[in-house]
Each structure stands twice: as C-alpha cells, then as structure tokens.
C-alpha cells in the first residue's frame, strides 16, 4: 500500500524537464515545499494532460468522487456522520475498473503523482521499523499511477482530489508489505494517461530489484 510518501527531493526544474519531453507545460512554475512525511488529506502535486499539454496542480490526497457533490467533506456537527468517511488514498489496480468510487475516474481522469520515495513499516506494534523505498538507480523522481476527480462539496467548495493505485508486491519487496504503489517507468507514462489504451499490461507485480530499501531512523 502507500499511506506515506516523500517529496523531499523533488524540484520543479526536474519535473518540468522530464514531462516536457512528452508535451508542453502550461502551468506556471510552482513553489514545491519538500516534505519527507506526506500524509493522506494533504494537498500534493499531480500531473495530467489537458488538450495535449501538461497541467500540474496540487490536489487533496484521498479521492472524493464527483457523486459526492453537494454533500459535506467533514461532518456538519458532532455525531451526525454525514461527512466523507471512505479511505480513498489508495485504489486497488485489480478492482479499480469496477469500483463504484473509482471507476469513473479510471475511465476518464488519470494522472501522475510525483514522489521521491514511499514508506512501509514492519514489526510489532510499539516497536515497528520504518523503511524508505526509492529508485535503485538513484534517480530522485518516482511517478505513481494516479486517478483524480472533482467534487463540489458543501463545506470545502470545489475540490480536486486524487488516489494512488496499488498492486501486489512480489519477491523481497513483499517482505515490507504485500502491496506496493504502481510505479510507472518513463516509457509508460503516456500509456497510462492514454484512455484508449488498455492499462492492464502495466499492472505487473513489482519486485525489490527496481528499488532500494533503507531503514528510516527517525
């Protein structure tokens, strides 16, 4: 799964340089604030194609589907329970096409989510070890496969949000968690974003060989 990730090594210049190989970027430069402990519900950078050019936007991590429009994001009063309660920061690649929450976004609104690394924990409660997982080749940029959606909420107003796809881990990577975020290689970015192409070939279990794992000592 992917419940924490790291953006501490991301720079606008690097993201711009890598994305502009495929299409021009219409978004003015953004001030990226490094964060080595990105959490769900925070606003994070996403990249999507609009009319053949890149649009980069900060969105809420935790997808709120369009059909939630008109309803509150948070409970209107204590105990009422009318806020959005689903944990949607991850979407399972195997079921995303048929999910009531994600299927419309999967069919129409795919994006990339830049990161430097992600984290997993092992061990017993109270003595867990935190592991940082990054690219084995040393490149600072990881691109997660993401979905995004737009809802007009009653309390937060217009809201763009996203989720990160996950798929099964394999090999030694499964020692840290049985699922991993779907990390796209550069040659697969446009395949993922092309809604006319079948993304199923991208849903291949990951192995640790693509990544390096280091103990996080915080």
Protein backbone atom coordinates (compact mmCIF):
# COMPACT_ATOMS: atom_id res chain seq x y z
CA UNK A 1 0.00 0.00 0.00
CA UNK A 2 1.03 3.63 0.03
CA UNK A 3 -0.01 5.52 3.14
CA UNK A 4 3.02 7.79 3.43
CA UNK A 5 5.39 9.11 0.82
CA UNK A 6 8.30 11.53 0.47
CA UNK A 7 8.66 14.56 -1.83
CA UNK A 8 11.83 15.97 -0.27
CA UNK A 9 13.97 15.53 -3.40
CA UNK A 10 11.51 16.86 -5.95
CA UNK A 11 12.30 20.04 -7.85
CA UNK A 12 10.19 21.95 -10.34
CA UNK A 13 13.12 22.00 -12.77
CA UNK A 14 13.47 18.20 -12.77
CA UNK A 15 9.74 17.53 -13.11
CA UNK A 16 9.46 20.15 -15.87
CA UNK A 17 12.42 18.71 -17.76
CA UNK A 18 11.11 15.15 -17.67
CA UNK A 19 7.49 15.92 -18.51
CA UNK A 20 8.29 18.40 -21.29
CA UNK A 21 9.88 15.60 -23.32
CA UNK A 22 6.33 14.37 -23.98
CA UNK A 23 4.27 17.59 -24.12
CA UNK A 24 4.48 21.28 -23.28
CA UNK A 25 3.61 22.53 -19.79
CA UNK A 26 1.02 25.28 -19.41
CA UNK A 27 1.21 25.58 -15.62
CA UNK A 28 3.32 28.46 -14.29
CA UNK A 29 6.21 27.32 -12.02
CA UNK A 30 5.07 26.15 -8.60
CA UNK A 31 6.98 26.51 -5.35
CA UNK A 32 7.42 22.91 -4.22
CA UNK A 33 7.81 22.60 -0.46
CA UNK A 34 9.86 19.49 0.43
CA UNK A 35 8.06 17.07 2.72
CA UNK A 36 9.54 13.78 3.90
CA UNK A 37 6.29 12.63 5.55
CA UNK A 38 3.41 13.23 3.13
CA UNK A 39 0.08 12.08 4.62
CA UNK A 40 -3.43 11.50 3.27
CA UNK A 41 -5.77 14.52 3.05
CA UNK A 42 -2.84 16.90 2.41
CA UNK A 43 -2.56 18.71 -0.93
CA UNK A 44 0.07 17.22 -3.22
CA UNK A 45 1.29 17.76 -6.77
CA UNK A 46 -0.32 15.87 -9.66
CA UNK A 47 0.26 15.98 -13.41
CA UNK A 48 -2.37 15.32 -16.07
CA UNK A 49 -2.87 16.01 -19.76
CA UNK A 50 -5.41 18.60 -20.89
CA UNK A 51 -5.81 19.26 -24.62
CA UNK A 52 -2.40 17.75 -25.28
CA UNK A 53 -0.46 19.80 -22.70
CA UNK A 54 0.54 19.14 -19.11
CA UNK A 55 -1.47 20.67 -16.28
CA UNK A 56 0.20 20.44 -12.87
CA UNK A 57 -1.99 21.00 -9.83
CA UNK A 58 -1.98 20.39 -6.10
CA UNK A 59 -4.90 18.17 -5.11
CA UNK A 60 -6.17 16.54 -1.93
CA UNK A 61 -4.69 13.08 -1.41
CA UNK A 62 -7.75 10.91 -0.89
CA UNK A 63 -10.15 10.87 -3.81
CA UNK A 64 -13.61 12.34 -3.29
CA UNK A 65 -15.79 11.13 -6.20
CA UNK A 66 -17.88 13.53 -8.25
CA UNK A 67 -21.10 11.94 -6.99
CA UNK A 68 -20.33 13.38 -3.55
CA UNK A 69 -21.07 16.85 -4.92
CA UNK A 70 -23.48 18.81 -2.74
CA UNK A 71 -22.50 16.87 0.39
CA UNK A 72 -20.05 17.96 3.10
CA UNK A 73 -16.47 16.78 3.25
CA UNK A 74 -16.49 16.86 7.08
CA UNK A 75 -19.35 16.17 9.49
CA UNK A 76 -21.61 19.19 9.76
CA UNK A 77 -21.93 18.57 13.50
CA UNK A 78 -20.52 16.13 16.03
CA UNK A 79 -22.19 12.74 15.87
CA UNK A 80 -24.09 13.38 12.68
CA UNK A 81 -21.72 11.34 10.50
CA UNK A 82 -22.61 12.97 7.19
CA UNK A 83 -19.01 13.71 6.17
CA UNK A 84 -16.93 11.67 3.73
CA UNK A 85 -15.62 8.63 5.61
CA UNK A 86 -14.11 6.37 2.93
CA UNK A 87 -10.34 5.79 2.95
CA UNK A 88 -9.60 6.50 -0.70
CA UNK A 89 -5.91 7.40 -0.71
CA UNK A 90 -5.21 4.06 -2.47
CA UNK A 91 -7.10 2.18 -5.19
CA UNK A 92 -6.51 -1.49 -6.00
CA UNK A 93 -5.46 -1.94 -9.63
CA UNK A 94 -7.24 -5.29 -9.84
CA UNK A 95 -10.68 -3.87 -8.98
CA UNK A 96 -10.47 -0.18 -9.89
CA UNK A 97 -12.35 -0.52 -13.19
CA UNK A 98 -15.46 -1.83 -11.42
CA UNK A 99 -15.30 0.16 -8.19
CA UNK A 100 -18.23 2.49 -7.54
CA UNK A 101 -15.82 5.04 -6.06
CA UNK A 102 -13.07 4.89 -8.70
CA UNK A 103 -14.50 3.56 -11.97
CA UNK A 104 -15.48 6.93 -13.48
CA UNK A 105 -12.10 8.43 -12.65
CA UNK A 106 -10.37 5.33 -14.02
CA UNK A 107 -12.26 5.66 -17.29
CA UNK A 108 -11.83 9.43 -17.68
CA UNK A 109 -9.34 11.06 -15.32
CA UNK A 110 -5.90 9.53 -14.91
CA UNK A 111 -2.86 11.38 -13.63
CA UNK A 112 0.72 11.02 -12.45
CA UNK A 113 1.78 11.65 -8.86
CA UNK A 114 5.44 12.66 -8.40
CA UNK A 115 7.32 11.41 -5.34
CA UNK A 116 10.87 10.78 -4.13
CA UNK A 117 10.08 7.58 -2.19
CA UNK A 118 7.42 5.86 -0.12
CA UNK A 119 7.41 4.22 3.32
CA UNK A 120 6.40 0.88 4.78
CA UNK A 121 6.57 -0.46 8.35
CA UNK A 122 7.46 -3.89 9.70
CA UNK A 123 7.47 -5.37 13.18
CA UNK A 124 5.12 -5.44 16.13
CA UNK A 125 3.06 -2.53 17.38
CA UNK A 126 5.16 -0.28 19.57
CA UNK A 127 8.45 -1.39 18.01
CA UNK A 128 7.87 -1.02 14.29
CA UNK A 129 10.69 -0.32 11.85
CA UNK A 130 10.10 2.27 9.16
CA UNK A 131 11.56 1.61 5.70
CA UNK A 132 12.14 4.14 2.92
CA UNK A 133 11.76 2.74 -0.60
CA UNK A 134 13.22 4.68 -3.51
CA UNK A 135 14.56 4.02 -7.00
CA UNK A 136 17.54 1.67 -7.19
CA UNK A 137 19.14 3.72 -9.98
CA UNK A 138 19.39 6.76 -7.72
CA UNK A 139 17.08 8.99 -9.76
CA UNK A 140 15.13 11.28 -7.42
CA UNK A 141 11.80 11.11 -9.27
CA UNK A 142 9.22 8.34 -8.88
CA UNK A 143 5.90 8.58 -10.72
CA UNK A 144 2.92 6.83 -9.17
CA UNK A 145 -0.09 5.97 -11.33
CA UNK A 146 -2.98 8.07 -10.04
CA UNK A 147 -6.62 8.92 -10.62
CA UNK A 148 -8.25 12.25 -9.92
CA UNK A 149 -11.79 13.59 -9.63
CA UNK A 150 -13.67 16.82 -8.97
CA UNK A 151 -16.49 17.33 -6.49
CA UNK A 152 -18.34 20.46 -5.36
CA UNK A 153 -18.61 19.91 -1.62
CA UNK A 154 -20.99 21.77 0.69
CA UNK A 155 -18.30 22.89 3.14
CA UNK A 156 -14.97 22.87 1.28
CA UNK A 157 -16.33 24.13 -2.03
CA UNK A 158 -14.84 22.93 -5.34
CA UNK A 159 -12.43 20.11 -4.59
CA UNK A 160 -9.95 18.28 -6.83
CA UNK A 161 -8.57 15.10 -5.26
CA UNK A 162 -6.55 12.04 -6.22
CA UNK A 163 -5.70 8.48 -5.30
CA UNK A 164 -2.58 6.33 -5.85
CA UNK A 165 -3.02 2.91 -7.45
CA UNK A 166 -1.53 -0.13 -5.74
CA UNK A 167 -0.86 -3.68 -6.91
CA UNK A 168 0.63 -6.86 -5.42
CA UNK A 169 4.27 -6.92 -4.34
CA UNK A 170 6.45 -9.89 -5.12
CA UNK A 171 9.88 -11.21 -4.21
CA UNK A 172 11.67 -9.45 -1.34
CA UNK A 173 9.53 -6.33 -1.73
CA UNK A 174 6.69 -8.38 -0.24
CA UNK A 175 8.72 -8.62 2.98
CA UNK A 176 7.80 -4.98 3.65
CA UNK A 177 4.16 -5.06 2.51
CA UNK A 178 2.04 -7.34 0.34
CA UNK A 179 1.05 -4.36 -1.84
CA UNK A 180 3.05 -1.56 -3.43
CA UNK A 181 2.19 1.65 -5.25
CA UNK A 182 2.07 1.30 -9.02
CA UNK A 183 5.31 2.98 -10.10
CA UNK A 184 5.41 3.87 -13.79
CA UNK A 185 8.62 3.92 -15.79
CA UNK A 186 9.07 6.91 -18.07
CA UNK A 187 8.14 4.93 -21.18
CA UNK A 188 4.80 4.02 -19.55
CA UNK A 189 3.65 7.50 -18.51
CA UNK A 190 1.80 8.22 -21.72
CA UNK A 191 0.42 4.68 -21.93
CA UNK A 192 -1.20 5.16 -18.53
CA UNK A 193 -2.68 8.53 -19.47
CA UNK A 194 -3.99 7.36 -22.86
CA UNK A 195 -7.62 6.47 -22.14
CA UNK A 196 -7.87 4.50 -25.39
CA UNK A 197 -5.17 2.04 -24.34
CA UNK A 198 -5.60 -0.97 -22.08
CA UNK A 199 -3.53 -0.29 -18.93
CA UNK A 200 -3.63 -3.94 -17.81
CA UNK A 201 -0.05 -4.68 -19.03
CA UNK A 202 1.16 -2.09 -16.51
CA UNK A 203 -0.39 -3.98 -13.58
CA UNK A 204 2.57 -6.31 -13.08
CA UNK A 205 3.64 -7.29 -9.55
CA UNK A 206 6.69 -5.29 -8.51
CA UNK A 207 9.95 -6.70 -7.20
CA UNK A 208 12.54 -5.11 -4.95
CA UNK A 209 15.14 -5.08 -7.73
CA UNK A 210 13.69 -1.85 -9.12
CA UNK A 211 14.05 -0.17 -5.76
CA UNK A 212 16.41 0.32 -2.87
CA UNK A 213 15.18 -0.09 0.68
CA UNK A 214 16.81 1.73 3.58
CA UNK A 215 15.95 1.89 7.25
CA UNK A 216 14.49 5.26 8.28
CA UNK A 217 15.95 6.16 11.65
CA UNK A 218 13.58 8.94 12.74
